N, C-alpha and C. Protein backbone atom coordinates (compact mmCIF):
# COMPACT_ATOMS: atom_id res chain seq x y z
N UNK A 1 8.28 14.45 11.95
CA UNK A 1 8.09 14.13 10.57
C UNK A 1 8.29 12.58 10.29
N UNK A 2 7.54 11.93 9.71
CA UNK A 2 7.59 10.58 9.46
C UNK A 2 8.28 10.20 8.03
N UNK A 3 8.48 9.01 7.96
CA UNK A 3 9.24 8.49 6.61
C UNK A 3 8.26 8.74 5.49
N UNK A 4 7.01 8.61 5.72
CA UNK A 4 5.99 8.66 4.44
C UNK A 4 5.24 9.99 4.43
N UNK A 5 5.61 11.00 5.21
CA UNK A 5 4.89 12.21 5.21
C UNK A 5 4.84 12.86 3.84
N UNK A 6 3.75 13.23 3.30
CA UNK A 6 3.62 13.90 2.02
C UNK A 6 4.14 13.05 0.89
N UNK A 7 4.22 11.66 0.99
CA UNK A 7 4.63 10.83 0.00
C UNK A 7 3.49 10.16 -0.67
N UNK A 8 3.65 9.98 -2.02
CA UNK A 8 2.59 9.15 -2.77
C UNK A 8 3.03 7.76 -2.95
N UNK A 9 2.23 6.83 -2.67
CA UNK A 9 2.74 5.39 -2.91
C UNK A 9 1.80 4.62 -3.82
N UNK A 10 2.48 3.60 -4.30
CA UNK A 10 1.74 2.66 -5.23
C UNK A 10 1.88 1.25 -4.55
N UNK A 11 0.81 0.61 -4.34
CA UNK A 11 0.83 -0.70 -3.61
C UNK A 11 0.41 -1.78 -4.57
N UNK A 12 1.29 -2.81 -4.64
CA UNK A 12 0.91 -3.98 -5.51
C UNK A 12 1.05 -5.23 -4.48
N UNK A 13 -0.17 -5.67 -4.14
CA UNK A 13 -0.14 -6.83 -3.23
C UNK A 13 -0.20 -8.15 -4.00
N UNK A 14 -0.04 -9.27 -3.23
CA UNK A 14 -0.02 -10.54 -3.82
C UNK A 14 -1.30 -11.35 -3.35
N UNK A 15 -1.90 -12.06 -4.19
CA UNK A 15 -3.10 -12.74 -3.80
C UNK A 15 -2.83 -13.84 -2.83
N UNK A 16 -1.69 -14.48 -2.88
CA UNK A 16 -1.36 -15.65 -1.95
C UNK A 16 -0.52 -15.09 -0.78
N UNK A 17 -0.14 -13.82 -0.73
CA UNK A 17 0.73 -13.10 0.30
C UNK A 17 -0.20 -12.25 0.94
N UNK A 18 0.33 -10.94 0.90
CA UNK A 18 -0.40 -9.91 1.59
C UNK A 18 -1.06 -8.98 0.58
N UNK A 19 -2.37 -8.92 0.58
CA UNK A 19 -3.24 -8.24 -0.32
C UNK A 19 -3.02 -6.68 -0.31
N UNK A 20 -3.26 -6.00 -1.37
CA UNK A 20 -3.04 -4.55 -1.46
C UNK A 20 -3.89 -3.78 -0.34
N UNK A 21 -5.15 -4.04 -0.09
CA UNK A 21 -5.84 -3.42 0.82
C UNK A 21 -5.37 -3.47 2.21
N UNK A 22 -4.77 -4.61 2.61
CA UNK A 22 -4.10 -4.74 3.94
C UNK A 22 -2.91 -3.85 4.09
N UNK A 23 -2.19 -3.65 3.06
CA UNK A 23 -1.09 -2.72 3.14
C UNK A 23 -1.56 -1.35 3.12
N UNK A 24 -2.49 -1.04 2.36
CA UNK A 24 -3.13 0.31 2.39
C UNK A 24 -3.66 0.71 3.85
N UNK A 25 -4.25 -0.21 4.45
CA UNK A 25 -4.70 0.03 5.91
C UNK A 25 -3.50 0.42 6.76
N UNK A 26 -2.46 -0.36 6.62
CA UNK A 26 -1.31 -0.12 7.44
C UNK A 26 -0.66 1.25 7.14
N UNK A 27 -0.78 1.75 6.02
CA UNK A 27 -0.19 2.96 5.64
C UNK A 27 -0.95 4.23 5.97
N UNK A 28 -2.26 4.10 6.29
CA UNK A 28 -3.08 5.18 6.64
C UNK A 28 -2.62 6.02 7.66
N UNK A 29 -1.97 5.54 8.71
CA UNK A 29 -1.57 6.28 9.81
C UNK A 29 -0.15 6.83 9.59
N UNK A 30 0.51 6.71 8.37
CA UNK A 30 1.81 7.18 8.25
C UNK A 30 1.86 8.51 7.59
N UNK A 31 0.78 9.10 6.99
CA UNK A 31 0.68 10.30 6.27
C UNK A 31 1.03 10.13 4.79
N UNK A 32 1.15 8.89 4.33
CA UNK A 32 1.28 8.56 2.96
C UNK A 32 -0.14 8.78 2.12
N UNK A 33 0.03 9.20 0.88
CA UNK A 33 -1.16 9.18 0.00
C UNK A 33 -1.12 8.06 -0.90
N UNK A 34 -2.04 7.16 -0.90
CA UNK A 34 -2.10 5.96 -1.77
C UNK A 34 -2.75 6.33 -3.04
N UNK A 35 -2.02 6.34 -4.21
CA UNK A 35 -2.53 6.76 -5.44
C UNK A 35 -2.92 5.50 -6.19
N UNK A 36 -2.48 4.27 -5.79
CA UNK A 36 -2.90 3.04 -6.62
C UNK A 36 -2.83 1.99 -5.70
N UNK A 37 -3.85 1.02 -5.61
CA UNK A 37 -3.71 -0.09 -4.85
C UNK A 37 -4.29 -1.30 -5.58
N UNK A 38 -3.56 -2.31 -5.68
CA UNK A 38 -4.16 -3.55 -6.34
C UNK A 38 -3.59 -4.84 -5.85
N UNK A 39 -4.41 -5.81 -6.02
CA UNK A 39 -3.95 -7.21 -5.55
C UNK A 39 -3.81 -7.94 -6.89
N UNK A 40 -2.59 -8.57 -7.09
CA UNK A 40 -2.40 -9.39 -8.30
C UNK A 40 -2.11 -10.82 -8.07
N UNK A 41 -2.27 -11.65 -9.05
CA UNK A 41 -1.85 -13.11 -8.94
C UNK A 41 -0.68 -13.30 -9.74
N UNK A 42 0.52 -13.51 -9.07
CA UNK A 42 1.78 -13.87 -9.81
C UNK A 42 1.94 -15.33 -9.90
N UNK A 43 1.73 -15.80 -11.07
CA UNK A 43 1.94 -17.26 -11.19
C UNK A 43 3.23 -17.63 -12.08
């Protein structure tokens, strides 16, 4: 059993850092369900 098995996650990425879709790709193999993923610009 993994850390994210049967977990729902919300991803907020940063435009100048790590974008949301990149984090989402990393979490695909963990068993987590991504319910929201976005990339924002924090100025």
